[in-house]
N, C-alpha and C. Protein backbone atom coordinates (compact mmCIF):
# COMPACT_ATOMS: atom_id res chain seq x y z
N UNK A 1 12.40 -13.81 14.07
CA UNK A 1 11.78 -12.80 13.13
C UNK A 1 12.92 -11.60 12.97
N UNK A 2 12.78 -11.34 11.77
CA UNK A 2 13.88 -10.33 11.42
C UNK A 2 13.26 -8.90 11.20
N UNK A 3 13.57 -7.75 12.35
CA UNK A 3 13.03 -6.63 11.90
C UNK A 3 13.84 -5.75 10.91
N UNK A 4 15.00 -6.08 10.74
CA UNK A 4 15.77 -5.41 9.88
C UNK A 4 15.07 -4.60 8.57
N UNK A 5 14.96 -3.54 8.30
CA UNK A 5 14.53 -3.00 6.97
C UNK A 5 13.02 -3.45 6.98
N UNK A 6 12.36 -3.87 8.30
CA UNK A 6 10.96 -4.30 8.02
C UNK A 6 10.18 -2.68 8.01
N UNK A 7 10.73 -1.49 8.43
CA UNK A 7 9.90 -0.32 8.58
C UNK A 7 10.79 0.85 8.04
N UNK A 8 9.77 1.88 7.75
CA UNK A 8 10.75 3.09 7.25
C UNK A 8 11.60 3.60 8.45
N UNK A 9 11.97 4.72 8.06
CA UNK A 9 13.13 5.51 8.99
C UNK A 9 12.04 6.13 9.98
N UNK A 10 13.04 6.45 11.18
CA UNK A 10 12.31 7.04 12.16
C UNK A 10 11.49 8.53 11.22
N UNK A 11 10.20 9.11 11.69
CA UNK A 11 9.88 10.26 11.18
C UNK A 11 9.65 11.38 12.30
N UNK A 12 9.44 12.63 11.85
CA UNK A 12 8.95 13.29 13.03
C UNK A 12 7.28 13.48 12.62
N UNK A 13 6.40 13.85 13.33
CA UNK A 13 5.28 13.38 13.57
C UNK A 13 4.59 14.23 12.39
N UNK A 14 3.72 13.58 11.72
CA UNK A 14 3.00 13.77 10.59
C UNK A 14 1.38 13.16 10.71
N UNK A 15 0.64 13.76 9.93
CA UNK A 15 -0.82 13.35 9.60
C UNK A 15 -0.77 12.09 9.33
N UNK A 16 -0.12 11.32 8.37
CA UNK A 16 -0.21 10.15 7.73
C UNK A 16 0.38 9.02 8.64
N UNK A 17 1.26 9.52 9.71
CA UNK A 17 2.02 8.59 10.50
C UNK A 17 1.38 8.17 11.37
N UNK A 18 0.60 9.38 12.07
CA UNK A 18 -0.55 9.12 13.23
C UNK A 18 -1.79 8.45 12.97
N UNK A 19 -1.94 8.85 11.42
CA UNK A 19 -3.25 8.13 10.93
C UNK A 19 -3.31 6.77 10.91
N UNK A 20 -2.06 6.10 10.48
CA UNK A 20 -1.90 4.97 10.43
C UNK A 20 -1.75 4.23 11.72
N UNK A 21 -1.33 4.84 12.60
CA UNK A 21 -0.93 4.26 14.18
C UNK A 21 -2.47 4.27 14.79
N UNK A 22 -2.92 5.13 14.66
CA UNK A 22 -4.56 5.18 15.36
C UNK A 22 -5.26 4.27 14.60
N UNK A 23 -5.36 3.83 13.21
CA UNK A 23 -6.21 3.10 12.63
C UNK A 23 -5.52 1.68 12.94
N UNK A 24 -4.30 1.33 13.20
CA UNK A 24 -3.64 0.29 13.61
C UNK A 24 -4.02 -0.65 14.49
N UNK A 25 -4.23 0.43 15.60
CA UNK A 25 -4.72 0.35 17.08
C UNK A 25 -6.16 -0.12 17.02
N UNK A 26 -6.87 0.54 15.93
CA UNK A 26 -8.29 0.17 16.22
C UNK A 26 -8.37 -1.12 15.70
N UNK A 27 -8.09 -1.20 14.51
CA UNK A 27 -8.45 -2.73 13.82
C UNK A 27 -7.80 -3.73 14.53
N UNK A 28 -6.50 -3.90 15.40
CA UNK A 28 -6.00 -5.00 16.41
C UNK A 28 -7.42 -4.79 17.20
N UNK A 29 -7.67 -3.98 18.15
CA UNK A 29 -8.57 -4.11 19.34
C UNK A 29 -10.18 -4.41 18.70
N UNK A 30 -10.50 -3.96 17.16
CA UNK A 30 -11.85 -4.72 16.84
C UNK A 30 -11.72 -6.29 16.41
N UNK A 31 -10.43 -6.79 16.21
CA UNK A 31 -10.35 -7.93 15.79
C UNK A 31 -10.13 -9.02 16.85
N UNK A 32 -10.05 -8.27 18.19
CA UNK A 32 -9.75 -9.19 19.63
C UNK A 32 -8.48 -9.39 19.56
N UNK A 33 -7.55 -9.17 18.85
CA UNK A 33 -6.29 -9.60 18.92
C UNK A 33 -5.36 -8.52 19.94
N UNK A 34 -3.84 -8.81 19.73
CA UNK A 34 -3.02 -8.02 20.42
C UNK A 34 -1.88 -7.74 19.17
N UNK A 35 -1.14 -6.30 19.70
CA UNK A 35 0.18 -5.93 18.60
C UNK A 35 1.15 -7.04 18.53
N UNK A 36 1.32 -7.67 19.86
CA UNK A 36 2.32 -8.77 19.40
C UNK A 36 1.98 -10.00 18.78
N UNK A 37 0.67 -10.57 19.11
CA UNK A 37 0.63 -11.57 18.02
C UNK A 37 0.12 -11.23 16.67
N UNK A 38 -0.07 -9.85 16.27
CA UNK A 38 0.09 -9.43 15.00
C UNK A 38 1.78 -9.71 14.49
N UNK A 39 2.46 -9.00 15.29
CA UNK A 39 4.14 -9.12 15.02
C UNK A 39 4.31 -10.34 14.78
N UNK A 40 3.81 -11.32 15.58
CA UNK A 40 4.41 -12.84 15.27
C UNK A 40 4.09 -13.23 14.16
N UNK A 41 2.66 -12.80 13.56
CA UNK A 41 1.93 -13.57 12.40
C UNK A 41 2.67 -12.77 11.16
N UNK A 42 3.18 -11.66 11.43
CA UNK A 42 3.82 -11.32 9.80
C UNK A 42 5.14 -11.56 10.14
N UNK A 43 5.77 -11.74 11.06
CA UNK A 43 7.39 -11.96 11.16
C UNK A 43 8.35 -10.48 11.26
N UNK A 44 7.39 -9.82 12.27
CA UNK A 44 8.50 -8.61 12.63
C UNK A 44 8.33 -8.51 14.05
N UNK A 45 9.51 -7.88 14.64
CA UNK A 45 9.53 -8.01 16.01
C UNK A 45 8.31 -7.06 16.62
N UNK A 46 7.72 -7.58 17.72
CA UNK A 46 6.85 -6.53 18.41
C UNK A 46 7.33 -5.21 18.58
N UNK A 47 8.63 -4.86 18.89
CA UNK A 47 8.97 -3.60 19.19
C UNK A 47 8.78 -2.86 18.04
N UNK A 48 9.12 -3.25 17.09
CA UNK A 48 8.78 -2.57 15.22
C UNK A 48 7.50 -2.29 15.42
N UNK A 49 6.24 -3.12 15.62
CA UNK A 49 5.13 -3.07 15.47
C UNK A 49 4.65 -1.93 16.20
N UNK A 50 5.02 -1.85 17.74
CA UNK A 50 4.79 -0.98 18.96
C UNK A 50 5.16 0.07 18.45
N UNK A 51 6.21 0.15 17.71
CA UNK A 51 6.62 1.70 17.45
C UNK A 51 5.54 2.26 16.52
N UNK A 52 5.09 1.33 15.41
CA UNK A 52 4.21 2.00 14.27
C UNK A 52 3.09 2.15 14.84
N UNK A 53 2.35 1.52 16.04
CA UNK A 53 1.48 1.75 16.59
C UNK A 53 1.35 3.04 17.49
N UNK A 54 2.44 3.59 17.79
CA UNK A 54 2.38 4.93 18.55
C UNK A 54 2.60 6.11 18.11
N UNK A 55 3.16 5.66 16.67
CA UNK A 55 3.31 6.94 15.65
C UNK A 55 4.98 7.18 15.67
N UNK A 56 5.60 6.48 16.61
CA UNK A 56 7.13 6.92 16.36
C UNK A 56 8.18 6.50 14.99
N UNK A 57 7.20 5.33 14.38
CA UNK A 57 7.83 5.29 13.15
C UNK A 57 6.95 4.84 12.04
N UNK A 58 7.35 4.91 10.92
CA UNK A 58 6.68 4.87 9.75
C UNK A 58 6.79 3.57 9.09
N UNK A 59 5.67 2.83 8.81
CA UNK A 59 5.91 1.43 7.88
C UNK A 59 5.99 1.73 6.36
N UNK A 60 7.06 0.85 6.07
CA UNK A 60 7.30 0.57 4.52
C UNK A 60 5.50 0.20 3.80
N UNK A 61 5.63 0.06 2.64
CA UNK A 61 4.43 -0.24 1.79
C UNK A 61 4.37 -1.88 1.80
N UNK A 62 5.82 -2.18 2.10
CA UNK A 62 5.71 -4.18 1.87
C UNK A 62 5.13 -4.30 3.41
N UNK A 63 5.68 -3.59 4.55
CA UNK A 63 5.04 -3.96 5.95
C UNK A 63 3.33 -3.76 6.00
N UNK A 64 3.09 -2.64 5.49
CA UNK A 64 1.64 -2.16 5.56
C UNK A 64 0.89 -3.09 5.06
N UNK A 65 1.27 -3.63 3.81
CA UNK A 65 0.31 -4.76 3.02
C UNK A 65 0.54 -5.82 3.90
N UNK A 66 1.34 -6.11 4.86
CA UNK A 66 1.52 -7.43 5.29
C UNK A 66 0.27 -7.11 6.67
N UNK A 67 0.26 -6.16 7.35
CA UNK A 67 -0.53 -5.97 8.36
C UNK A 67 -1.87 -5.92 7.99
N UNK A 68 -2.34 -5.46 6.47
CA UNK A 68 -3.54 -5.14 6.10
C UNK A 68 -3.96 -6.49 5.70
N UNK A 69 -3.19 -7.60 5.22
CA UNK A 69 -3.53 -8.97 5.01
C UNK A 69 -4.10 -9.81 6.03
N UNK A 70 -3.01 -9.43 7.17
CA UNK A 70 -3.17 -10.42 8.39
C UNK A 70 -4.24 -9.89 9.15
N UNK A 71 -4.73 -8.77 9.15
CA UNK A 71 -5.82 -8.25 9.39
C UNK A 71 -7.04 -8.46 9.03
N UNK A 72 -7.07 -8.63 7.41
CA UNK A 72 -8.23 -8.83 6.59
C UNK A 72 -9.25 -7.78 6.70
N UNK A 73 -8.26 -6.52 6.39
CA UNK A 73 -8.83 -5.19 6.19
C UNK A 73 -8.54 -4.70 4.74
N UNK A 74 -8.74 -3.79 4.29
CA UNK A 74 -8.70 -3.15 3.38
C UNK A 74 -7.60 -2.50 3.36
N UNK A 75 -6.37 -2.33 2.45
CA UNK A 75 -4.84 -1.45 2.68
C UNK A 75 -5.24 0.02 2.78
N UNK A 76 -6.19 0.54 2.18
CA UNK A 76 -6.77 1.87 2.23
C UNK A 76 -7.33 2.10 3.48
N UNK A 77 -8.07 1.22 4.47
CA UNK A 77 -8.45 1.53 5.51
C UNK A 77 -7.31 1.94 6.53
N UNK A 78 -6.22 1.81 6.62
CA UNK A 78 -5.16 2.05 7.14
C UNK A 78 -4.48 3.46 7.01
N UNK A 79 -4.55 4.02 5.62
CA UNK A 79 -3.58 5.32 4.90
C UNK A 79 -4.69 6.41 4.64
N UNK A 80 -5.88 6.07 3.96
CA UNK A 80 -6.77 6.91 3.16
C UNK A 80 -7.53 7.69 4.44
N UNK A 81 -7.82 9.07 3.58
CA UNK A 81 -8.49 10.00 4.59
C UNK A 81 -10.03 9.41 4.87
N UNK A 82 -10.45 9.58 6.08
CA UNK A 82 -11.91 9.03 6.00
C UNK A 82 -13.01 9.80 5.09
N UNK A 83 -13.91 9.11 5.00
CA UNK A 83 -14.66 9.51 3.79
C UNK A 83 -15.95 10.44 4.35
N UNK A 84 -16.36 11.41 3.87
CA UNK A 84 -17.14 12.19 4.76
C UNK A 84 -18.61 13.23 3.45
N UNK A 85 -19.43 13.46 3.93
CA UNK A 85 -20.14 14.01 3.04
C UNK A 85 -19.58 15.47 2.45
N UNK A 86 -19.96 16.03 0.89
CA UNK A 86 -19.35 16.68 0.44
C UNK A 86 -17.88 16.41 -0.09
N UNK A 87 -17.17 17.65 -0.31
CA UNK A 87 -15.79 17.45 -1.06
C UNK A 87 -14.62 17.48 -0.01
N UNK A 88 -13.46 16.63 -0.43
CA UNK A 88 -12.46 16.56 0.27
C UNK A 88 -11.27 16.56 -0.59
N UNK A 89 -10.50 17.65 -0.41
CA UNK A 89 -9.08 17.82 -1.48
C UNK A 89 -7.81 17.03 -0.77
N UNK A 90 -7.36 16.34 -1.22
CA UNK A 90 -6.20 15.48 -0.90
C UNK A 90 -5.09 16.23 -1.61
N UNK A 91 -4.14 16.93 -0.68
CA UNK A 91 -3.26 17.85 -1.31
C UNK A 91 -2.02 16.96 -1.66
N UNK A 92 -1.02 17.48 -2.70
CA UNK A 92 0.10 16.61 -2.81
C UNK A 92 0.87 16.99 -1.95
N UNK A 93 1.53 16.21 -1.23
CA UNK A 93 2.43 16.32 -0.22
C UNK A 93 3.12 15.37 0.26
N UNK A 94 4.83 15.49 0.49
CA UNK A 94 5.59 14.18 0.73
C UNK A 94 5.10 13.55 2.03
N UNK A 95 4.17 14.33 3.04
CA UNK A 95 3.75 13.67 4.06
C UNK A 95 2.62 12.37 3.90
N UNK A 96 2.19 12.73 2.51
CA UNK A 96 1.18 11.79 2.14
C UNK A 96 1.47 10.38 1.53
N UNK A 97 3.22 10.34 0.96
CA UNK A 97 3.54 9.39 0.24
C UNK A 97 4.07 8.24 1.36
N UNK A 98 3.80 7.00 0.89
CA UNK A 98 4.42 5.76 1.66
C UNK A 98 5.44 5.24 0.47
N UNK A 99 6.64 5.03 1.29
CA UNK A 99 7.67 4.54 0.48
C UNK A 99 8.17 2.83 0.93
N UNK A 100 8.88 2.02 -0.21
CA UNK A 100 9.30 0.86 -0.13
C UNK A 100 10.44 1.08 1.01
N UNK A 101 11.01 0.10 1.16
CA UNK A 101 12.03 -0.13 2.11
C UNK A 101 13.40 0.53 1.62
N UNK A 102 13.58 0.34 0.36
CA UNK A 102 14.74 0.82 -0.37
C UNK A 102 14.31 2.39 -0.86
N UNK A 103 12.87 2.51 -0.91
CA UNK A 103 12.58 4.04 -1.16
C UNK A 103 12.43 4.13 -2.75
N UNK A 104 12.63 3.09 -3.63
CA UNK A 104 12.66 2.93 -4.93
C UNK A 104 11.13 2.75 -5.73
N UNK A 105 10.12 2.74 -4.83
CA UNK A 105 8.91 2.68 -5.17
C UNK A 105 8.28 3.13 -3.92
N UNK A 106 7.17 4.25 -4.40
CA UNK A 106 6.26 5.33 -3.54
C UNK A 106 5.09 5.20 -4.04
N UNK A 107 3.92 5.13 -2.82
CA UNK A 107 2.48 5.38 -3.41
C UNK A 107 1.97 6.31 -2.57
N UNK A 108 0.94 7.08 -3.54
CA UNK A 108 0.52 8.12 -2.66
C UNK A 108 -1.35 7.75 -2.82
N UNK A 109 -1.88 7.82 -1.52
CA UNK A 109 -3.53 7.77 -1.88
C UNK A 109 -4.15 8.51 -2.64
N UNK A 110 -5.16 8.69 -3.58
CA UNK A 110 -6.26 9.84 -3.91
C UNK A 110 -7.37 9.56 -3.87
N UNK A 111 -7.43 8.99 -2.56
CA UNK A 111 -9.13 8.77 -2.42
C UNK A 111 -9.44 9.00 -0.78
N UNK A 112 -10.33 8.94 -0.84
CA UNK A 112 -11.34 9.09 0.91
C UNK A 112 -11.77 7.68 0.94
N UNK A 113 -11.38 6.90 2.12
CA UNK A 113 -11.90 5.81 2.41
C UNK A 113 -13.37 5.65 2.79
N UNK A 114 -13.99 4.98 2.12
CA UNK A 114 -15.58 4.69 2.42
C UNK A 114 -15.90 3.28 2.60
N UNK A 115 -17.17 3.10 3.14
CA UNK A 115 -17.61 1.93 2.93
C UNK A 115 -18.10 1.32 1.45
N UNK A 116 -18.34 2.06 0.78
CA UNK A 116 -18.68 1.57 -0.60
C UNK A 116 -18.45 2.74 -1.70
N UNK A 117 -17.68 2.61 -2.86
CA UNK A 117 -17.33 1.26 -3.49
C UNK A 117 -16.45 0.64 -2.54
N UNK A 118 -15.78 -0.57 -3.00
CA UNK A 118 -14.83 -1.10 -2.40
C UNK A 118 -13.51 -0.78 -3.53
N UNK A 119 -13.34 0.60 -3.62
CA UNK A 119 -12.21 0.86 -4.78
C UNK A 119 -11.39 1.60 -4.23
N UNK A 120 -9.80 1.68 -4.45
CA UNK A 120 -8.90 2.39 -3.80
C UNK A 120 -7.89 3.00 -5.06
N UNK A 121 -7.70 4.22 -4.93
CA UNK A 121 -6.87 5.10 -6.09
C UNK A 121 -5.72 5.29 -5.49
N UNK A 122 -4.56 4.74 -6.25
CA UNK A 122 -3.27 5.33 -5.94
C UNK A 122 -2.48 6.15 -6.82
N UNK A 123 -1.68 7.03 -6.66
CA UNK A 123 -0.57 7.28 -7.44
C UNK A 123 0.77 6.61 -7.24
N UNK A 124 1.49 5.85 -8.31
CA UNK A 124 2.64 5.21 -8.12
C UNK A 124 3.97 5.77 -8.65
N UNK A 125 4.74 5.80 -8.13
CA UNK A 125 6.31 6.18 -8.72
C UNK A 125 7.40 4.87 -8.63
N UNK A 126 7.90 4.96 -9.61
CA UNK A 126 9.09 3.83 -9.50
C UNK A 126 10.41 4.43 -10.04
N UNK A 127 11.33 4.33 -9.22
CA UNK A 127 12.53 5.08 -9.44
C UNK A 127 13.29 4.03 -11.21
N UNK A 128 14.28 4.79 -11.72
CA UNK A 128 14.70 4.05 -12.85
C UNK A 128 15.45 2.38 -12.40
N UNK A 129 14.82 1.41 -13.25
CA UNK A 129 15.11 0.10 -13.23
C UNK A 129 14.71 -0.72 -11.98
N UNK A 130 13.96 0.25 -11.18
CA UNK A 130 13.28 -0.85 -9.92
C UNK A 130 12.20 -1.49 -10.26
N UNK A 131 12.03 -2.79 -9.33
CA UNK A 131 11.14 -3.64 -9.35
C UNK A 131 10.24 -3.72 -8.02
N UNK A 132 9.23 -3.73 -8.03
CA UNK A 132 8.27 -3.82 -6.96
C UNK A 132 7.87 -5.19 -6.57
N UNK A 133 7.84 -6.44 -5.82
CA UNK A 133 7.18 -7.30 -5.73
C UNK A 133 5.98 -7.15 -4.82
N UNK A 134 4.83 -7.59 -5.35
CA UNK A 134 3.76 -7.44 -4.38
C UNK A 134 3.14 -8.94 -3.97
N UNK A 135 2.92 -8.92 -2.96
CA UNK A 135 2.23 -10.21 -2.42
C UNK A 135 0.87 -10.47 -2.74
N UNK A 136 0.17 -11.69 -2.73
CA UNK A 136 -1.18 -11.67 -3.13
C UNK A 136 -2.16 -10.74 -2.34
N UNK A 137 -3.20 -10.33 -2.79
CA UNK A 137 -4.03 -9.67 -1.91
C UNK A 137 -5.08 -10.32 -1.65
N UNK A 138 -6.41 -9.72 -1.36
CA UNK A 138 -7.59 -10.92 -1.06
C UNK A 138 -8.33 -11.38 -2.10
N UNK A 139 -8.74 -12.56 -2.23
CA UNK A 139 -9.66 -13.29 -3.04
C UNK A 139 -10.22 -12.43 -3.80
N UNK A 140 -10.20 -12.17 -4.80
CA UNK A 140 -10.97 -11.83 -5.85
C UNK A 140 -10.75 -10.18 -6.11
N UNK A 141 -9.39 -9.65 -5.64
CA UNK A 141 -8.92 -8.49 -6.13
C UNK A 141 -8.50 -8.53 -7.26
N UNK A 142 -8.75 -7.08 -8.04
CA UNK A 142 -8.25 -6.60 -9.14
C UNK A 142 -7.35 -5.35 -9.07
N UNK A 143 -6.60 -5.23 -10.17
CA UNK A 143 -5.92 -3.92 -10.24
C UNK A 143 -6.02 -3.25 -11.71
N UNK A 144 -6.33 -2.20 -12.07
CA UNK A 144 -6.15 -1.19 -13.57
C UNK A 144 -4.97 -0.47 -12.92
N UNK A 145 -4.09 -0.35 -13.90
CA UNK A 145 -3.09 0.29 -13.62
C UNK A 145 -3.09 1.30 -15.18
N UNK A 146 -2.74 2.43 -15.32
CA UNK A 146 -2.65 3.71 -16.32
C UNK A 146 -1.27 4.16 -16.35
N UNK A 147 -0.42 4.29 -16.98
CA UNK A 147 0.94 4.62 -17.10
C UNK A 147 0.90 6.13 -17.41
N UNK A 148 1.24 6.97 -16.61
CA UNK A 148 1.27 8.50 -16.98
C UNK A 148 2.31 9.20 -17.27
N UNK A 149 3.65 8.22 -17.04
CA UNK A 149 4.80 8.80 -17.62
C UNK A 149 5.84 7.60 -17.70
N UNK A 150 6.82 7.44 -18.47
CA UNK A 150 7.61 5.94 -18.71
C UNK A 150 7.27 5.05 -19.24
N UNK A 151 8.04 3.82 -18.81
CA UNK A 151 7.53 2.62 -19.35
C UNK A 151 7.47 1.70 -18.22
N UNK A 152 6.67 0.73 -18.03
CA UNK A 152 6.43 0.06 -16.67
C UNK A 152 6.51 -1.44 -17.28
N UNK A 153 6.68 -2.30 -16.73
CA UNK A 153 6.46 -3.79 -16.92
C UNK A 153 5.79 -4.52 -15.78
N UNK A 154 4.34 -5.28 -16.26
CA UNK A 154 3.70 -5.89 -15.49
C UNK A 154 3.50 -7.16 -15.25
N UNK A 155 3.87 -7.71 -14.24
CA UNK A 155 3.93 -9.50 -14.42
C UNK A 155 2.95 -9.96 -13.13
N UNK A 156 1.96 -10.84 -13.71
CA UNK A 156 0.80 -11.17 -12.80
C UNK A 156 0.74 -12.57 -12.81
N UNK A 157 1.21 -13.46 -11.85
CA UNK A 157 1.27 -14.62 -11.70
C UNK A 157 2.31 -15.46 -12.60
N UNK A 158 1.68 -16.39 -13.46
CA UNK A 158 2.57 -16.81 -14.70
C UNK A 158 2.11 -16.27 -15.75
N UNK A 159 1.65 -15.28 -15.75
CA UNK A 159 1.15 -14.60 -17.13
C UNK A 159 2.59 -14.00 -17.73
N UNK A 160 2.75 -13.68 -18.92
CA UNK A 160 4.31 -13.30 -19.44
C UNK A 160 4.17 -11.95 -19.18
N UNK A 161 5.16 -11.30 -19.21
CA UNK A 161 5.34 -9.75 -18.91
C UNK A 161 4.56 -8.79 -19.75
N UNK A 162 4.21 -7.71 -19.06
CA UNK A 162 3.20 -7.00 -20.48
C UNK A 162 4.23 -5.34 -20.37
N UNK A 163 4.43 -5.14 -21.33
CA UNK A 163 5.14 -3.79 -21.18
C UNK A 163 4.04 -2.67 -21.56
N UNK A 164 4.24 -1.76 -20.60
CA UNK A 164 3.22 -0.54 -21.01
C UNK A 164 3.85 1.05 -21.18
N UNK A 165 3.64 1.67 -22.13
CA UNK A 165 4.02 3.37 -22.24
C UNK A 165 3.09 3.90 -21.84
N UNK A 166 3.62 5.19 -21.87
CA UNK A 166 2.69 6.30 -21.00
C UNK A 166 1.39 6.46 -21.99
N UNK A 167 0.33 6.12 -21.59
CA UNK A 167 -1.07 6.45 -21.63
C UNK A 167 -1.78 4.87 -22.00
N UNK A 168 -0.92 3.65 -21.82
CA UNK A 168 -1.32 2.52 -22.00
C UNK A 168 -1.95 2.15 -20.33
N UNK A 169 -2.64 1.12 -20.53
CA UNK A 169 -3.53 0.81 -19.36
C UNK A 169 -3.70 -0.83 -19.38
N UNK A 170 -3.80 -1.52 -18.25
CA UNK A 170 -3.83 -3.12 -17.91
C UNK A 170 -4.67 -3.04 -16.61
N UNK A 171 -5.71 -4.25 -16.95
CA UNK A 171 -6.54 -4.88 -15.92
C UNK A 171 -6.06 -6.22 -15.41
N UNK A 172 -5.80 -6.55 -14.74
CA UNK A 172 -5.34 -7.98 -14.01
C UNK A 172 -5.55 -8.39 -12.60
N UNK A 173 -5.40 -9.84 -12.22
CA UNK A 173 -6.04 -10.24 -10.98
C UNK A 173 -5.04 -10.06 -10.20
N UNK A 174 -4.88 -9.46 -8.98
CA UNK A 174 -4.31 -9.19 -7.98
C UNK A 174 -3.96 -9.92 -6.96
N UNK A 175 -5.13 -11.04 -7.12
CA UNK A 175 -5.05 -11.87 -5.60
C UNK A 175 -3.92 -13.22 -5.78
N UNK A 176 -3.09 -12.76 -6.94
CA UNK A 176 -1.59 -13.49 -6.90
C UNK A 176 -0.66 -12.54 -6.97
N UNK A 177 0.50 -13.23 -6.58
CA UNK A 177 1.69 -12.43 -6.73
C UNK A 177 2.04 -11.64 -8.14
N UNK A 178 2.32 -10.37 -7.92
CA UNK A 178 2.35 -9.53 -9.02
C UNK A 178 3.50 -8.34 -8.74
N UNK A 179 3.91 -8.11 -9.88
CA UNK A 179 5.11 -7.21 -10.12
C UNK A 179 5.12 -5.92 -10.88
N UNK A 180 5.86 -4.95 -10.38
CA UNK A 180 6.00 -3.65 -11.43
C UNK A 180 7.29 -3.18 -11.38
N UNK A 181 7.62 -3.02 -12.87
CA UNK A 181 9.30 -2.77 -13.10
C UNK A 181 9.37 -1.35 -13.93
N UNK A 182 9.91 -0.41 -13.37
CA UNK A 182 10.27 0.21 -14.19
C UNK A 182 11.47 0.11 -15.25
N UNK A 183 11.44 0.10 -16.51
CA UNK A 183 11.96 -0.55 -17.61
C UNK A 183 12.61 0.69 -18.35
N UNK A 184 12.57 1.84 -17.99
CA UNK A 184 13.21 2.89 -18.50
C UNK A 184 14.32 3.78 -17.70
N UNK A 185 14.68 4.65 -18.30
CA UNK A 185 15.92 5.56 -17.48
C UNK A 185 15.33 6.63 -16.89
N UNK A 186 14.28 6.78 -16.75
CA UNK A 186 13.94 8.19 -16.13
C UNK A 186 12.52 7.30 -15.10
N UNK A 187 12.23 8.18 -14.26
CA UNK A 187 11.53 8.08 -12.75
C UNK A 187 10.01 7.61 -13.86
N UNK A 188 9.37 6.59 -13.49
CA UNK A 188 8.00 6.02 -14.11
C UNK A 188 6.84 6.55 -12.98
N UNK A 189 5.75 6.88 -13.77
CA UNK A 189 4.50 7.03 -12.97
C UNK A 189 3.17 6.56 -13.17
N UNK A 190 2.37 6.10 -12.53
CA UNK A 190 1.22 5.34 -12.88
C UNK A 190 -0.01 5.63 -11.99
N UNK A 191 -1.16 5.67 -12.39
CA UNK A 191 -2.20 5.29 -11.43
C UNK A 191 -2.93 4.20 -11.24
N UNK A 192 -3.26 3.69 -10.05
CA UNK A 192 -3.76 2.30 -9.69
C UNK A 192 -4.69 2.42 -9.19
N UNK A 193 -5.77 1.38 -9.60
CA UNK A 193 -7.40 1.53 -9.20
C UNK A 193 -7.38 -0.01 -8.75
N UNK A 194 -7.52 -0.08 -7.50
CA UNK A 194 -7.53 -1.47 -6.58
C UNK A 194 -8.93 -1.79 -6.40
N UNK A 195 -9.61 -2.78 -6.83
CA UNK A 195 -10.95 -3.01 -6.59
C UNK A 195 -11.07 -4.46 -5.90
N UNK A 196 -11.70 -4.32 -4.76
CA UNK A 196 -11.57 -5.76 -3.81
C UNK A 196 -13.08 -6.42 -4.38
N UNK A 197 -13.41 -7.53 -3.94
CA UNK A 197 -14.38 -8.33 -4.41
C UNK A 197 -15.21 -8.33 -3.14
N UNK A 198 -14.33 -8.97 -2.02
CA UNK A 198 -15.16 -9.11 -0.79
C UNK A 198 -13.91 -9.29 0.12
N UNK A 199 -14.38 -8.08 1.22
CA UNK A 199 -13.34 -7.99 2.05
C UNK A 199 -13.85 -7.39 3.69
N UNK A 200 -13.32 -7.58 4.60
CA UNK A 200 -14.07 -7.33 5.90
C UNK A 200 -14.15 -6.03 6.22
N UNK A 201 -15.49 -5.21 6.56
CA UNK A 201 -15.56 -3.83 6.91
C UNK A 201 -14.27 -3.29 7.53
N UNK A 202 -13.88 -2.41 7.11
CA UNK A 202 -13.13 -1.02 7.80
C UNK A 202 -13.76 -0.64 9.01
């Protein structure tokens, strides 16, 4: 196992980092497993995963997806604010943003996580020329993406590349490997709606 670049840089105490740590511990306990066993299954060192579970280190987007898929839980159940009655304001803040290992891809949750419906909403940001490869999500998962700035190329499985400009939208199956690439010279942003067909309750 190689833990190099498997997680983000050391971080100061933040709501998101601590929330991820707490939810990770809960999910592992509910599944009857251990952090060491989970680390082995996703190919990172137990030291790395224990640092994330203690809130001492922030996971990258790639690693958090591996964790969610291995645990069989929705990605949002690890990062989104818990749903409650009434209104919940989700502030725009650097503390609410997850980054890829290189920092070229960033994601911010725009929803509170609840039991129903099984939909998650994210704001995506891609650096110029950056491509983000995503592993297959749970069977039946689909994605809707609306480009809000710039030009983004989407590839889903063996489908041909789809070029989206500002205001364009696409729906595609996300239970196969897929990718997002900023094909412009400036930063690109998009809103992503992720819909699950059936996945274990959080």
